Amino acid sequence: IGDEGTIAVSEVLRKCGNLQNLNLSYNEIGVDGAVAVSEALSKCVNLQLLNLSYNEIGVDGAVAVSEALSKCVNLQLLNLDENNIADDGAIAVSEALNHC
């Protein structure tokens, strides 16, 4: 769905406060899509599973997602495989997960 589709999906996600599972793997999501998802996830406090594997979010996308993770206090599973998040992205995510 790429960034454009992810941005559209994120608009709907903002209204899904009870969402528990979100799987957007293999969707060619880049930084812009990751930023849109992260902004929407701040409303999804019941999220338990987030799968963004096999996308292209990179370091900046991982940092954006990490900012939303601190609000996802019920998160049990996070999958960011194959996103080229590098050390800086991994550090940002791990620091955010300390709040889950």
Foldseek 3Di string as FASTA:
>chain_A
DEQVVLLVVLVVLLVCQQDAEDAPAPPQYEQNSLLSNLVSLLSNQNHAYDHHAHYAHEQNSLLSNLVSLLSNQNHNYYHHHPHNNPDNSVVSNVVSPVND
